[in-house]
C-alpha atoms as a PDB file:
ATOM      1  CA  MET A   1      -5.687   6.108   2.924  1.00  0.00           C
ATOM      2  CA  ASN A   2      -2.095   6.637   1.888  1.00  0.00           C
ATOM      3  CA  PRO A   3      -0.069   3.372   1.908  1.00  0.00           C
ATOM      4  CA  TYR A   4       3.201   5.340   2.173  1.00  0.00           C
ATOM      5  CA  ARG A   5       2.074   7.182   5.299  1.00  0.00           C
ATOM      6  CA  ASN A   6       4.636   5.611   7.587  1.00  0.00           C
ATOM      7  CA  LYS A   7       7.941   6.817   6.182  1.00  0.00           C
ATOM      8  CA  ARG A   8      10.071   5.124   8.826  1.00  0.00           C
ATOM      9  CA  TYR A   9       8.863   1.719   7.683  1.00  0.00           C
ATOM     10  CA  TRP A  10       9.683   2.468   4.052  1.00  0.00           C
ATOM     11  CA  ILE A  11      13.096   3.881   4.965  1.00  0.00           C
ATOM     12  CA  LEU A  12      14.091   0.794   6.952  1.00  0.00           C
ATOM     13  CA  MET A  13      12.450  -1.948   4.916  1.00  0.00           C
ATOM     14  CA  PRO A  14      14.585  -1.988   1.711  1.00  0.00           C
ATOM     15  CA  PRO A  15      18.030  -2.393   3.336  1.00  0.00           C
ATOM     16  CA  PHE A  16      16.760  -4.996   5.801  1.00  0.00           C
ATOM     17  CA  LEU A  17      14.915  -6.887   3.056  1.00  0.00           C
ATOM     18  CA  LEU A  18      17.971  -6.928   0.790  1.00  0.00           C
ATOM     19  CA  THR A  19      20.154  -8.086   3.678  1.00  0.00           C
ATOM     20  CA  THR A  20      17.702 -10.859   4.552  1.00  0.00           C
ATOM     21  CA  LEU A  21      17.439 -12.089   0.969  1.00  0.00           C
ATOM     22  CA  GLY A  22      21.195 -11.852   0.482  1.00  0.00           C
ATOM     23  CA  LEU A  23      21.892 -13.905   3.586  1.00  0.00           C
ATOM     24  CA  PHE A  24      19.204 -16.400   2.649  1.00  0.00           C
ATOM     25  CA  PHE A  25      20.833 -17.086  -0.728  1.00  0.00           C
ATOM     26  CA  ILE A  26      24.481 -16.821   0.374  1.00  0.00           C
ATOM     27  CA  LEU A  27      24.452 -18.859   3.576  1.00  0.00           C
ATOM     28  CA  PRO A  28      24.436 -22.656   3.486  1.00  0.00           C
ATOM     29  CA  GLU A  29      21.222 -24.523   4.250  1.00  0.00           C
ATOM     30  CA  ASP A  30      22.161 -25.283   7.850  1.00  0.00           C
ATOM     31  CA  LYS A  31      22.475 -21.517   8.583  1.00  0.00           C
ATOM     32  CA  TRP A  32      19.101 -20.402   7.162  1.00  0.00           C
ATOM     33  CA  GLU A  33      17.865 -19.315  10.582  1.00  0.00           C
ATOM     34  CA  TYR A  34      20.225 -16.305  10.576  1.00  0.00           C
ATOM     35  CA  PRO A  35      18.261 -14.245   8.036  1.00  0.00           C
ATOM     36  CA  PHE A  36      15.310 -14.348  10.425  1.00  0.00           C
ATOM     37  CA  LEU A  37      17.458 -12.542  12.991  1.00  0.00           C
ATOM     38  CA  VAL A  38      17.640  -9.672  10.510  1.00  0.00           C
ATOM     39  CA  VAL A  39      13.832  -9.584  10.429  1.00  0.00           C
ATOM     40  CA  ILE A  40      13.757  -9.398  14.237  1.00  0.00           C
ATOM     41  CA  ALA A  41      16.373  -6.629  14.127  1.00  0.00           C
ATOM     42  CA  PHE A  42      14.203  -4.746  11.617  1.00  0.00           C
ATOM     43  CA  TRP A  43      11.153  -4.781  13.889  1.00  0.00           C
ATOM     44  CA  ASN A  44      13.235  -3.861  16.934  1.00  0.00           C
ATOM     45  CA  THR A  45      14.731  -0.909  15.068  1.00  0.00           C
ATOM     46  CA  TYR A  46      11.365   0.168  13.699  1.00  0.00           C
ATOM     47  CA  TYR A  47       9.602   0.147  17.063  1.00  0.00           C
ATOM     48  CA  ALA A  48      12.559   1.751  18.861  1.00  0.00           C
ATOM     49  CA  TRP A  49      12.578   4.586  16.298  1.00  0.00           C
ATOM     50  CA  ASN A  50       8.811   5.069  16.667  1.00  0.00           C
ATOM     51  CA  ASP A  51       9.078   5.076  20.461  1.00  0.00           C
ATOM     52  CA  TYR A  52      11.960   7.562  20.389  1.00  0.00           C
ATOM     53  CA  THR A  53      10.059   9.903  18.073  1.00  0.00           C
ATOM     54  CA  LEU A  54       6.902   9.677  20.191  1.00  0.00           C
ATOM     55  CA  LYS A  55       8.782  10.481  23.401  1.00  0.00           C
ATOM     56  CA  LYS A  56      10.619  13.345  21.729  1.00  0.00           C
ATOM     57  CA  SER A  57       7.380  14.862  20.419  1.00  0.00           C
ATOM     58  CA  GLU A  58       5.768  14.535  23.858  1.00  0.00           C
ATOM     59  CA  GLU A  59       8.724  16.342  25.449  1.00  0.00           C
ATOM     60  CA  THR A  60       8.478  19.080  22.836  1.00  0.00           C
ATOM     61  CA  ASN A  61       4.747  19.485  23.463  1.00  0.00           C
ATOM     62  CA  GLU A  62       5.274  19.650  27.233  1.00  0.00           C
ATOM     63  CA  SER A  63       7.998  22.294  26.959  1.00  0.00           C
ATOM     64  CA  THR A  64       5.838  24.364  24.601  1.00  0.00           C
ATOM     65  CA  GLU A  65       2.918  24.209  27.023  1.00  0.00           C
ATOM     66  CA  LYS A  66       5.146  25.321  29.915  1.00  0.00           C
ATOM     67  CA  ARG A  67       6.357  28.363  27.950  1.00  0.00           C
ATOM     68  CA  ILE A  68       2.796  29.352  27.100  1.00  0.00           C
ATOM     69  CA  ASN A  69       1.647  29.177  30.737  1.00  0.00           C
END
């Protein structure tokens, strides 16, 4: 099994991880909950991108099937 199979994850993870770590070390202690919002934004972006791609591929498959019939 290829661990780099999901390219979207590996495209999004480095910038979000660097942003999270940067905020964690830059912000004062009473604001440490803000980096976790970046983690939530990462997962929202990841799943939205996957959903968009899935819907787009389904539309492409449907239009190809209509042209064949």
